[in-house]
PDB file of N, CA and C in Angstrom:
ATOM      1  N   MET A   1     172.617 274.749 248.144  1.00  0.00           N
ATOM      2  CA  MET A   1     172.309 274.109 249.080  1.00  0.00           C
ATOM      3  C   MET A   1     172.296 272.481 248.938  1.00  0.00           C
ATOM      4  N   PHE A   2     171.531 272.357 247.809  1.00  0.00           N
ATOM      5  CA  PHE A   2     170.940 271.091 247.296  1.00  0.00           C
ATOM      6  C   PHE A   2     172.321 270.334 246.937  1.00  0.00           C
ATOM      7  N   ARG A   3     173.403 270.838 246.458  1.00  0.00           N
ATOM      8  CA  ARG A   3     174.607 270.034 246.322  1.00  0.00           C
ATOM      9  C   ARG A   3     175.037 269.591 247.385  1.00  0.00           C
ATOM     10  N   ARG A   4     175.167 270.364 248.434  1.00  0.00           N
ATOM     11  CA  ARG A   4     176.104 270.257 249.363  1.00  0.00           C
ATOM     12  C   ARG A   4     175.202 268.647 250.167  1.00  0.00           C
ATOM     13  N   THR A   5     173.743 268.794 250.492  1.00  0.00           N
ATOM     14  CA  THR A   5     173.261 268.111 251.061  1.00  0.00           C
ATOM     15  C   THR A   5     173.132 266.791 250.235  1.00  0.00           C
ATOM     16  N   PHE A   6     173.277 266.564 249.087  1.00  0.00           N
ATOM     17  CA  PHE A   6     173.384 265.722 247.950  1.00  0.00           C
ATOM     18  C   PHE A   6     174.848 264.839 248.072  1.00  0.00           C
ATOM     19  N   TRP A   7     175.915 265.771 248.506  1.00  0.00           N
ATOM     20  CA  TRP A   7     177.034 265.060 248.767  1.00  0.00           C
ATOM     21  C   TRP A   7     177.473 264.726 250.070  1.00  0.00           C
ATOM     22  N   PHE A   8     176.752 265.331 251.140  1.00  0.00           N
ATOM     23  CA  PHE A   8     176.648 265.069 252.275  1.00  0.00           C
ATOM     24  C   PHE A   8     176.245 263.607 252.491  1.00  0.00           C
ATOM     25  N   THR A   9     174.682 263.224 251.822  1.00  0.00           N
ATOM     26  CA  THR A   9     174.375 262.032 251.908  1.00  0.00           C
ATOM     27  C   THR A   9     175.239 260.786 251.493  1.00  0.00           C
ATOM     28  N   ALA A  10     175.544 261.219 250.026  1.00  0.00           N
ATOM     29  CA  ALA A  10     176.115 260.357 249.247  1.00  0.00           C
ATOM     30  C   ALA A  10     177.756 259.753 250.062  1.00  0.00           C
ATOM     31  N   GLY A  11     178.294 260.753 250.627  1.00  0.00           N
ATOM     32  CA  GLY A  11     179.534 260.567 251.564  1.00  0.00           C
ATOM     33  C   GLY A  11     179.125 259.735 252.748  1.00  0.00           C
ATOM     34  N   ALA A  12     177.991 259.835 253.332  1.00  0.00           N
ATOM     35  CA  ALA A  12     177.553 259.224 254.726  1.00  0.00           C
ATOM     36  C   ALA A  12     177.302 257.708 254.292  1.00  0.00           C
ATOM     37  N   ALA A  13     176.467 257.647 252.866  1.00  0.00           N
ATOM     38  CA  ALA A  13     176.345 256.106 252.540  1.00  0.00           C
ATOM     39  C   ALA A  13     177.154 255.457 252.331  1.00  0.00           C
ATOM     40  N   ALA A  14     178.217 256.253 251.572  1.00  0.00           N
ATOM     41  CA  ALA A  14     179.878 255.676 251.339  1.00  0.00           C
ATOM     42  C   ALA A  14     180.488 254.874 252.381  1.00  0.00           C
ATOM     43  N   GLY A  15     180.409 255.766 253.670  1.00  0.00           N
ATOM     44  CA  GLY A  15     180.927 255.730 254.717  1.00  0.00           C
ATOM     45  C   GLY A  15     180.259 254.359 255.568  1.00  0.00           C
ATOM     46  N   VAL A  16     178.959 254.285 255.400  1.00  0.00           N
ATOM     47  CA  VAL A  16     178.396 253.344 256.210  1.00  0.00           C
ATOM     48  C   VAL A  16     178.526 251.825 255.207  1.00  0.00           C
ATOM     49  N   TRP A  17     178.603 252.246 254.124  1.00  0.00           N
ATOM     50  CA  TRP A  17     178.739 250.725 253.150  1.00  0.00           C
ATOM     51  C   TRP A  17     180.315 250.510 253.367  1.00  0.00           C
ATOM     52  N   ALA A  18     181.265 251.260 253.422  1.00  0.00           N
ATOM     53  CA  ALA A  18     182.568 250.609 253.683  1.00  0.00           C
ATOM     54  C   ALA A  18     182.770 250.503 254.961  1.00  0.00           C
ATOM     55  N   THR A  19     182.137 250.719 255.851  1.00  0.00           N
ATOM     56  CA  THR A  19     182.219 250.466 257.439  1.00  0.00           C
ATOM     57  C   THR A  19     181.388 248.939 257.796  1.00  0.00           C
ATOM     58  N   THR A  20     180.593 248.486 256.854  1.00  0.00           N
ATOM     59  CA  THR A  20     179.986 247.209 256.859  1.00  0.00           C
ATOM     60  C   THR A  20     180.736 246.140 256.309  1.00  0.00           C
ATOM     61  N   LYS A  21     181.055 246.833 255.308  1.00  0.00           N
ATOM     62  CA  LYS A  21     181.972 245.736 254.504  1.00  0.00           C
ATOM     63  C   LYS A  21     183.314 245.412 255.089  1.00  0.00           C
ATOM     64  N   VAL A  22     184.114 246.156 255.767  1.00  0.00           N
ATOM     65  CA  VAL A  22     185.171 246.174 257.032  1.00  0.00           C
ATOM     66  C   VAL A  22     184.823 245.200 257.822  1.00  0.00           C
ATOM     67  N   ASN A  23     183.934 245.501 258.779  1.00  0.00           N
ATOM     68  CA  ASN A  23     183.131 244.594 259.635  1.00  0.00           C
ATOM     69  C   ASN A  23     183.016 243.357 259.495  1.00  0.00           C
ATOM     70  N   ARG A  24     182.320 242.926 257.922  1.00  0.00           N
ATOM     71  CA  ARG A  24     181.955 241.423 257.567  1.00  0.00           C
ATOM     72  C   ARG A  24     183.381 240.680 257.273  1.00  0.00           C
ATOM     73  N   LYS A  25     184.484 241.699 256.878  1.00  0.00           N
ATOM     74  CA  LYS A  25     185.440 240.778 256.594  1.00  0.00           C
ATOM     75  C   LYS A  25     186.435 240.480 257.667  1.00  0.00           C
ATOM     76  N   LEU A  26     185.946 241.563 258.469  1.00  0.00           N
ATOM     77  CA  LEU A  26     186.824 241.010 259.863  1.00  0.00           C
ATOM     78  C   LEU A  26     186.279 240.263 260.248  1.00  0.00           C
ATOM     79  N   LYS A  27     184.935 239.732 260.521  1.00  0.00           N
ATOM     80  CA  LYS A  27     184.181 238.825 261.409  1.00  0.00           C
ATOM     81  C   LYS A  27     184.567 237.444 260.212  1.00  0.00           C
ATOM     82  N   GLN A  28     184.893 237.594 259.300  1.00  0.00           N
ATOM     83  CA  GLN A  28     185.118 236.500 258.505  1.00  0.00           C
ATOM     84  C   GLN A  28     186.747 235.853 258.685  1.00  0.00           C
ATOM     85  N   LEU A  29     187.201 236.768 259.028  1.00  0.00           N
ATOM     86  CA  LEU A  29     188.919 236.584 259.497  1.00  0.00           C
ATOM     87  C   LEU A  29     188.994 235.925 260.976  1.00  0.00           C
ATOM     88  N   THR A  30     188.088 235.732 261.837  1.00  0.00           N
ATOM     89  CA  THR A  30     188.361 235.355 263.006  1.00  0.00           C
ATOM     90  C   THR A  30     188.350 234.022 263.057  1.00  0.00           C
ATOM     91  N   PRO A  31     189.427 233.491 264.442  1.00  0.00           N
ATOM     92  CA  PRO A  31     189.635 232.141 263.955  1.00  0.00           C
ATOM     93  C   PRO A  31     188.523 231.433 264.173  1.00  0.00           C
ATOM     94  N   GLU A  32     187.117 231.533 264.803  1.00  0.00           N
ATOM     95  CA  GLU A  32     186.217 230.589 264.658  1.00  0.00           C
ATOM     96  C   GLU A  32     185.491 230.299 263.521  1.00  0.00           C
ATOM     97  N   SER A  33     185.645 231.453 262.573  1.00  0.00           N
ATOM     98  CA  SER A  33     185.035 231.741 261.614  1.00  0.00           C
ATOM     99  C   SER A  33     185.874 230.699 260.619  1.00  0.00           C
ATOM    100  N   LEU A  34     186.918 231.098 260.544  1.00  0.00           N
ATOM    101  CA  LEU A  34     188.195 230.237 259.805  1.00  0.00           C
ATOM    102  C   LEU A  34     188.511 228.761 260.003  1.00  0.00           C
ATOM    103  N   ALA A  35     187.993 228.436 261.165  1.00  0.00           N
ATOM    104  CA  ALA A  35     187.794 226.984 261.548  1.00  0.00           C
ATOM    105  C   ALA A  35     186.551 226.519 260.899  1.00  0.00           C
ATOM    106  N   ALA A  36     185.399 227.338 260.969  1.00  0.00           N
ATOM    107  CA  ALA A  36     184.081 226.934 260.148  1.00  0.00           C
ATOM    108  C   ALA A  36     184.298 226.812 258.877  1.00  0.00           C
ATOM    109  N   GLN A  37     184.779 227.523 258.421  1.00  0.00           N
ATOM    110  CA  GLN A  37     184.889 227.297 256.882  1.00  0.00           C
ATOM    111  C   GLN A  37     185.643 226.474 256.314  1.00  0.00           C
ATOM    112  N   ALA A  38     186.982 226.150 257.123  1.00  0.00           N
ATOM    113  CA  ALA A  38     188.012 224.878 256.573  1.00  0.00           C
ATOM    114  C   ALA A  38     186.817 223.819 257.126  1.00  0.00           C
ATOM    115  N   ALA A  39     186.243 223.697 258.270  1.00  0.00           N
ATOM    116  CA  ALA A  39     185.312 222.506 258.604  1.00  0.00           C
ATOM    117  C   ALA A  39     184.681 222.153 257.184  1.00  0.00           C
ATOM    118  N   ASN A  40     183.855 223.361 256.632  1.00  0.00           N
ATOM    119  CA  ASN A  40     182.956 223.163 255.792  1.00  0.00           C
ATOM    120  C   ASN A  40     183.680 223.024 254.317  1.00  0.00           C
ATOM    121  N   LYS A  41     184.742 223.167 254.168  1.00  0.00           N
ATOM    122  CA  LYS A  41     185.517 222.913 252.908  1.00  0.00           C
ATOM    123  C   LYS A  41     185.948 221.461 252.942  1.00  0.00           C
ATOM    124  N   ALA A  42     186.185 220.905 254.219  1.00  0.00           N
ATOM    125  CA  ALA A  42     186.841 219.761 254.519  1.00  0.00           C
ATOM    126  C   ALA A  42     185.383 218.571 254.299  1.00  0.00           C
ATOM    127  N   ILE A  43     184.203 218.819 254.659  1.00  0.00           N
ATOM    128  CA  ILE A  43     183.053 218.370 254.282  1.00  0.00           C
ATOM    129  C   ILE A  43     182.599 218.282 253.038  1.00  0.00           C
ATOM    130  N   GLU A  44     182.802 219.290 252.271  1.00  0.00           N
ATOM    131  CA  GLU A  44     182.617 219.496 250.709  1.00  0.00           C
ATOM    132  C   GLU A  44     183.213 218.461 250.275  1.00  0.00           C
ATOM    133  N   ALA A  45     184.817 218.224 250.186  1.00  0.00           N
ATOM    134  CA  ALA A  45     185.946 217.872 249.799  1.00  0.00           C
ATOM    135  C   ALA A  45     185.501 216.519 249.751  1.00  0.00           C
ATOM    136  N   GLY A  46     185.021 215.887 250.862  1.00  0.00           N
ATOM    137  CA  GLY A  46     184.751 214.587 251.798  1.00  0.00           C
ATOM    138  C   GLY A  46     183.421 213.970 250.394  1.00  0.00           C
ATOM    139  N   HIS A  47     182.592 214.858 250.748  1.00  0.00           N
ATOM    140  CA  HIS A  47     181.206 214.624 249.640  1.00  0.00           C
ATOM    141  C   HIS A  47     181.878 214.359 248.312  1.00  0.00           C
ATOM    142  N   ARG A  48     182.609 215.171 247.462  1.00  0.00           N
ATOM    143  CA  ARG A  48     182.892 215.071 246.455  1.00  0.00           C
ATOM    144  C   ARG A  48     183.996 213.724 246.219  1.00  0.00           C
ATOM    145  N   LEU A  49     184.849 213.564 246.953  1.00  0.00           N
ATOM    146  CA  LEU A  49     185.429 212.175 246.884  1.00  0.00           C
ATOM    147  C   LEU A  49     184.619 211.067 247.132  1.00  0.00           C
ATOM    148  N   LYS A  50     183.603 211.240 247.912  1.00  0.00           N
ATOM    149  CA  LYS A  50     182.664 209.936 247.820  1.00  0.00           C
ATOM    150  C   LYS A  50     181.729 209.787 246.649  1.00  0.00           C
ATOM    151  N   ASP A  51     181.554 211.005 245.980  1.00  0.00           N
ATOM    152  CA  ASP A  51     180.815 210.850 244.545  1.00  0.00           C
ATOM    153  C   ASP A  51     181.627 210.139 243.464  1.00  0.00           C
ATOM    154  N   PHE A  52     182.897 210.481 243.647  1.00  0.00           N
ATOM    155  CA  PHE A  52     184.027 210.487 242.511  1.00  0.00           C
ATOM    156  C   PHE A  52     184.281 208.855 243.014  1.00  0.00           C
ATOM    157  N   ALA A  53     184.557 208.422 244.066  1.00  0.00           N
ATOM    158  CA  ALA A  53     184.552 207.009 244.264  1.00  0.00           C
ATOM    159  C   ALA A  53     183.298 206.025 243.653  1.00  0.00           C
ATOM    160  N   LEU A  54     182.057 206.459 243.931  1.00  0.00           N
ATOM    161  CA  LEU A  54     181.152 205.703 243.386  1.00  0.00           C
ATOM    162  C   LEU A  54     180.981 205.886 241.963  1.00  0.00           C
ATOM    163  N   ASP A  55     181.371 207.105 241.344  1.00  0.00           N
ATOM    164  CA  ASP A  55     181.034 207.444 239.792  1.00  0.00           C
ATOM    165  C   ASP A  55     182.091 205.940 239.324  1.00  0.00           C
ATOM    166  N   VAL A  56     183.463 206.022 240.240  1.00  0.00           N
ATOM    167  CA  VAL A  56     184.389 205.053 239.596  1.00  0.00           C
ATOM    168  C   VAL A  56     183.920 203.475 239.556  1.00  0.00           C
ATOM    169  N   ARG A  57     183.318 203.328 240.933  1.00  0.00           N
ATOM    170  CA  ARG A  57     182.395 202.078 240.973  1.00  0.00           C
ATOM    171  C   ARG A  57     181.690 201.435 240.148  1.00  0.00           C
ATOM    172  N   ASP A  58     181.056 202.558 240.046  1.00  0.00           N
ATOM    173  CA  ASP A  58     179.933 202.455 238.830  1.00  0.00           C
ATOM    174  C   ASP A  58     180.463 201.966 237.244  1.00  0.00           C
ATOM    175  N   GLY A  59     181.702 202.967 237.036  1.00  0.00           N
ATOM    176  CA  GLY A  59     181.961 202.676 235.773  1.00  0.00           C
ATOM    177  C   GLY A  59     182.834 201.041 235.560  1.00  0.00           C
ATOM    178  N   MET A  60     183.565 200.879 237.138  1.00  0.00           N
ATOM    179  CA  MET A  60     184.172 199.677 237.009  1.00  0.00           C
ATOM    180  C   MET A  60     183.334 198.405 236.894  1.00  0.00           C
ATOM    181  N   ALA A  61     182.273 198.567 237.046  1.00  0.00           N
ATOM    182  CA  ALA A  61     180.816 197.380 237.534  1.00  0.00           C
ATOM    183  C   ALA A  61     180.504 197.377 235.875  1.00  0.00           C
ATOM    184  N   GLN A  62     180.416 198.579 235.200  1.00  0.00           N
ATOM    185  CA  GLN A  62     179.820 198.589 233.637  1.00  0.00           C
ATOM    186  C   GLN A  62     181.201 198.254 232.879  1.00  0.00           C
ATOM    187  N   ARG A  63     182.279 198.534 232.668  1.00  0.00           N
ATOM    188  CA  ARG A  63     183.485 198.135 231.933  1.00  0.00           C
ATOM    189  C   ARG A  63     183.481 196.627 232.420  1.00  0.00           C
ATOM    190  N   GLU A  64     183.230 196.348 233.873  1.00  0.00           N
ATOM    191  CA  GLU A  64     183.223 194.494 233.543  1.00  0.00           C
ATOM    192  C   GLU A  64     182.354 193.844 233.095  1.00  0.00           C
ATOM    193  N   ALA A  65     181.160 194.467 232.997  1.00  0.00           N
ATOM    194  CA  ALA A  65     180.159 193.789 232.168  1.00  0.00           C
ATOM    195  C   ALA A  65     180.412 193.681 230.672  1.00  0.00           C
ATOM    196  N   GLU A  66     181.015 194.802 230.338  1.00  0.00           N
ATOM    197  CA  GLU A  66     181.182 194.952 228.910  1.00  0.00           C
ATOM    198  C   GLU A  66     182.355 193.714 228.344  1.00  0.00           C
ATOM    199  N   LEU A  67     183.257 193.714 229.416  1.00  0.00           N
ATOM    200  CA  LEU A  67     184.186 192.614 229.261  1.00  0.00           C
ATOM    201  C   LEU A  67     183.749 191.256 229.299  1.00  0.00           C
ATOM    202  N   GLY A  68     182.928 191.074 230.315  1.00  0.00           N
ATOM    203  CA  GLY A  68     182.178 189.766 230.300  1.00  0.00           C
ATOM    204  C   GLY A  68     181.427 189.319 229.026  1.00  0.00           C
ATOM    205  N   GLU A  69     180.670 190.245 228.405  1.00  0.00           N
ATOM    206  CA  GLU A  69     180.282 189.995 226.949  1.00  0.00           C
ATOM    207  C   GLU A  69     180.931 189.723 225.912  1.00  0.00           C
ATOM    208  N   VAL A  70     182.147 190.747 226.116  1.00  0.00           N
ATOM    209  CA  VAL A  70     182.954 190.171 225.034  1.00  0.00           C
ATOM    210  C   VAL A  70     183.451 188.931 225.014  1.00  0.00           C
ATOM    211  N   LEU A  71     184.053 188.698 226.223  1.00  0.00           N
ATOM    212  CA  LEU A  71     185.178 187.588 226.271  1.00  0.00           C
ATOM    213  C   LEU A  71     184.049 186.283 226.630  1.00  0.00           C
ATOM    214  N   GLY A  72     182.798 186.451 227.034  1.00  0.00           N
ATOM    215  CA  GLY A  72     181.992 185.338 227.125  1.00  0.00           C
ATOM    216  C   GLY A  72     181.849 184.632 228.293  1.00  0.00           C
ATOM    217  N   LEU A  73     182.062 185.631 229.200  1.00  0.00           N
ATOM    218  CA  LEU A  73     181.875 185.126 230.342  1.00  0.00           C
ATOM    219  C   LEU A  73     180.570 185.035 231.248  1.00  0.00           C
ATOM    220  N   ASN A  74     179.856 185.807 230.628  1.00  0.00           N
ATOM    221  CA  ASN A  74     178.174 185.996 231.025  1.00  0.00           C
ATOM    222  C   ASN A  74     177.462 184.412 230.561  1.00  0.00           C
ATOM    223  N   ASP A  75     178.127 183.567 229.864  1.00  0.00           N
ATOM    224  CA  ASP A  75     177.259 182.476 229.189  1.00  0.00           C
ATOM    225  C   ASP A  75     177.147 181.594 230.336  1.00  0.00           C
ATOM    226  N   HIS A  76     178.014 181.337 231.050  1.00  0.00           N
ATOM    227  CA  HIS A  76     177.970 180.259 232.271  1.00  0.00           C
ATOM    228  C   HIS A  76     177.840 180.904 233.490  1.00  0.00           C
ATOM    229  N   PRO A  77     176.123 181.001 233.674  1.00  0.00           N
ATOM    230  CA  PRO A  77     175.751 181.339 235.106  1.00  0.00           C
ATOM    231  C   PRO A  77     176.142 180.658 236.372  1.00  0.00           C
ATOM    232  N   GLU A  78     176.234 179.149 235.993  1.00  0.00           N
ATOM    233  CA  GLU A  78     176.317 178.229 237.066  1.00  0.00           C
ATOM    234  C   GLU A  78     177.560 178.150 237.523  1.00  0.00           C
ATOM    235  N   VAL A  79     178.296 179.106 238.131  1.00  0.00           N
ATOM    236  CA  VAL A  79     179.388 179.279 238.465  1.00  0.00           C
ATOM    237  C   VAL A  79     179.521 178.912 239.955  1.00  0.00           C
ATOM    238  N   PRO A  80     180.218 177.623 240.400  1.00  0.00           N
ATOM    239  CA  PRO A  80     180.030 177.550 241.821  1.00  0.00           C
ATOM    240  C   PRO A  80     180.922 178.749 242.772  1.00  0.00           C
ATOM    241  N   GLY A  81     179.977 178.781 244.121  1.00  0.00           N
ATOM    242  CA  GLY A  81     180.351 179.652 244.968  1.00  0.00           C
ATOM    243  C   GLY A  81     181.812 179.283 245.861  1.00  0.00           C
ATOM    244  N   PRO A  82     182.518 180.269 246.495  1.00  0.00           N
ATOM    245  CA  PRO A  82     183.376 179.993 247.229  1.00  0.00           C
ATOM    246  C   PRO A  82     183.156 178.672 248.193  1.00  0.00           C
ATOM    247  N   ARG A  83     184.138 178.204 248.485  1.00  0.00           N
ATOM    248  CA  ARG A  83     184.204 176.915 249.330  1.00  0.00           C
ATOM    249  C   ARG A  83     184.161 177.321 250.553  1.00  0.00           C
ATOM    250  N   ARG A  84     183.530 176.779 251.296  1.00  0.00           N
ATOM    251  CA  ARG A  84     183.722 176.857 253.149  1.00  0.00           C
ATOM    252  C   ARG A  84     184.356 176.023 253.657  1.00  0.00           C
ATOM    253  N   VAL A  85     185.077 176.602 254.530  1.00  0.00           N
ATOM    254  CA  VAL A  85     186.203 175.936 255.602  1.00  0.00           C
ATOM    255  C   VAL A  85     185.510 175.634 256.561  1.00  0.00           C
ATOM    256  N   ALA A  86     185.571 174.330 257.008  1.00  0.00           N
ATOM    257  CA  ALA A  86     185.424 174.327 258.987  1.00  0.00           C
ATOM    258  C   ALA A  86     186.275 175.077 259.835  1.00  0.00           C
ATOM    259  N   ALA A  87     185.754 175.513 260.493  1.00  0.00           N
ATOM    260  CA  ALA A  87     186.663 176.702 261.425  1.00  0.00           C
ATOM    261  C   ALA A  87     187.096 175.758 262.511  1.00  0.00           C
ATOM    262  N   ILE A  88     186.196 174.694 263.082  1.00  0.00           N
ATOM    263  CA  ILE A  88     186.982 173.822 263.872  1.00  0.00           C
ATOM    264  C   ILE A  88     186.878 172.170 263.662  1.00  0.00           C
ATOM    265  N   GLU A  89     187.804 171.825 263.475  1.00  0.00           N
ATOM    266  CA  GLU A  89     187.909 170.342 263.396  1.00  0.00           C
ATOM    267  C   GLU A  89     187.379 169.209 263.944  1.00  0.00           C
ATOM    268  N   ASN A  90     186.596 168.219 263.751  1.00  0.00           N
ATOM    269  CA  ASN A  90     185.923 167.241 264.332  1.00  0.00           C
ATOM    270  C   ASN A  90     186.770 166.391 264.671  1.00  0.00           C
ATOM    271  N   ARG A  91     187.060 166.208 266.008  1.00  0.00           N
ATOM    272  CA  ARG A  91     187.740 165.611 266.663  1.00  0.00           C
ATOM    273  C   ARG A  91     187.494 163.815 266.526  1.00  0.00           C
ATOM    274  N   ASN A  92     186.346 163.656 266.249  1.00  0.00           N
ATOM    275  CA  ASN A  92     185.866 162.266 265.918  1.00  0.00           C
ATOM    276  C   ASN A  92     186.488 161.863 264.875  1.00  0.00           C
ATOM    277  N   ASN A  93     186.660 162.549 263.703  1.00  0.00           N
ATOM    278  CA  ASN A  93     187.121 162.146 262.638  1.00  0.00           C
ATOM    279  C   ASN A  93     188.384 161.501 262.479  1.00  0.00           C
ATOM    280  N   PRO A  94     188.437 160.362 261.892  1.00  0.00           N
ATOM    281  CA  PRO A  94     189.618 159.475 261.938  1.00  0.00           C
ATOM    282  C   PRO A  94     190.969 160.325 261.067  1.00  0.00           C
ATOM    283  N   LYS A  95     190.470 161.321 260.621  1.00  0.00           N
ATOM    284  CA  LYS A  95     191.665 161.855 260.005  1.00  0.00           C
ATOM    285  C   LYS A  95     192.585 162.965 260.627  1.00  0.00           C
ATOM    286  N   TYR A  96     191.892 163.107 261.767  1.00  0.00           N
ATOM    287  CA  TYR A  96     192.059 164.181 262.838  1.00  0.00           C
ATOM    288  C   TYR A  96     193.790 163.698 263.612  1.00  0.00           C
ATOM    289  N   VAL A  97     194.663 164.220 263.345  1.00  0.00           N
ATOM    290  CA  VAL A  97     195.815 163.842 263.932  1.00  0.00           C
ATOM    291  C   VAL A  97     196.204 165.124 265.303  1.00  0.00           C
ATOM    292  N   GLU A  98     196.631 164.391 266.479  1.00  0.00           N
ATOM    293  CA  GLU A  98     196.821 165.298 267.271  1.00  0.00           C
ATOM    294  C   GLU A  98     198.430 165.659 267.189  1.00  0.00           C
ATOM    295  N   ARG A  99     198.422 167.060 267.152  1.00  0.00           N
ATOM    296  CA  ARG A  99     199.863 167.606 267.114  1.00  0.00           C
ATOM    297  C   ARG A  99     200.436 167.562 268.341  1.00  0.00           C
ATOM    298  N   SER A 100     201.802 167.781 268.456  1.00  0.00           N
ATOM    299  CA  SER A 100     202.497 168.353 269.524  1.00  0.00           C
ATOM    300  C   SER A 100     202.363 169.683 270.007  1.00  0.00           C
ATOM    301  N   THR A 101     202.591 170.151 271.180  1.00  0.00           N
ATOM    302  CA  THR A 101     202.387 171.541 271.534  1.00  0.00           C
ATOM    303  C   THR A 101     204.206 172.172 271.565  1.00  0.00           C
ATOM    304  N   TYR A 102     204.514 171.773 270.881  1.00  0.00           N
ATOM    305  CA  TYR A 102     205.670 172.340 270.871  1.00  0.00           C
ATOM    306  C   TYR A 102     205.954 173.701 270.024  1.00  0.00           C
ATOM    307  N   SER A 103     206.535 174.819 270.884  1.00  0.00           N
ATOM    308  CA  SER A 103     206.363 176.193 270.511  1.00  0.00           C
ATOM    309  C   SER A 103     207.666 176.648 269.649  1.00  0.00           C
ATOM    310  N   TYR A 104     207.172 177.338 268.212  1.00  0.00           N
ATOM    311  CA  TYR A 104     208.250 177.389 267.726  1.00  0.00           C
ATOM    312  C   TYR A 104     208.573 178.886 267.426  1.00  0.00           C
ATOM    313  N   ASN A 105     208.438 179.546 268.749  1.00  0.00           N
ATOM    314  CA  ASN A 105     208.615 181.155 268.726  1.00  0.00           C
ATOM    315  C   ASN A 105     210.198 180.997 268.804  1.00  0.00           C
ATOM    316  N   ARG A 106     210.799 181.765 267.873  1.00  0.00           N
ATOM    317  CA  ARG A 106     212.441 181.945 267.937  1.00  0.00           C
ATOM    318  C   ARG A 106     212.675 182.834 269.049  1.00  0.00           C
ATOM    319  N   ASN A 107     211.738 183.729 269.736  1.00  0.00           N
ATOM    320  CA  ASN A 107     212.430 184.725 270.453  1.00  0.00           C
ATOM    321  C   ASN A 107     212.184 184.432 271.607  1.00  0.00           C
ATOM    322  N   GLU A 108     211.724 183.534 272.124  1.00  0.00           N
ATOM    323  CA  GLU A 108     211.634 182.818 273.448  1.00  0.00           C
ATOM    324  C   GLU A 108     212.861 182.802 273.984  1.00  0.00           C
ATOM    325  N   ASP A 109     213.236 182.722 275.065  1.00  0.00           N
ATOM    326  CA  ASP A 109     214.668 182.314 275.915  1.00  0.00           C
ATOM    327  C   ASP A 109     214.693 180.707 275.795  1.00  0.00           C
ATOM    328  N   HIS A 110     216.412 180.554 275.582  1.00  0.00           N
ATOM    329  CA  HIS A 110     216.239 178.962 275.131  1.00  0.00           C
ATOM    330  C   HIS A 110     217.422 178.398 276.504  1.00  0.00           C
TER     331      HIS A 110
END
């Protein structure tokens, strides 16, 4: 009698376990779950790509500093900055020459 009860209980437990596993797998294969998994993977890949880009940038800065030391470029800190260009010319300046308003558009009708 004890043997039958043991095997009945073991079979019932195995059935519950198998049913639970199958239901979990079916829930993972629903379209909503697949979309969520794909979105999570994409976000994770984006984070990895960002980390890679930051590592590359750090490596580039480090190598640039090393090359600057070897080539002696770091010895001259008084490097002039970029030149600024005026966006609007001064019409009171005698160098200002008024240009004609001839159109050079080759696509306009002649």
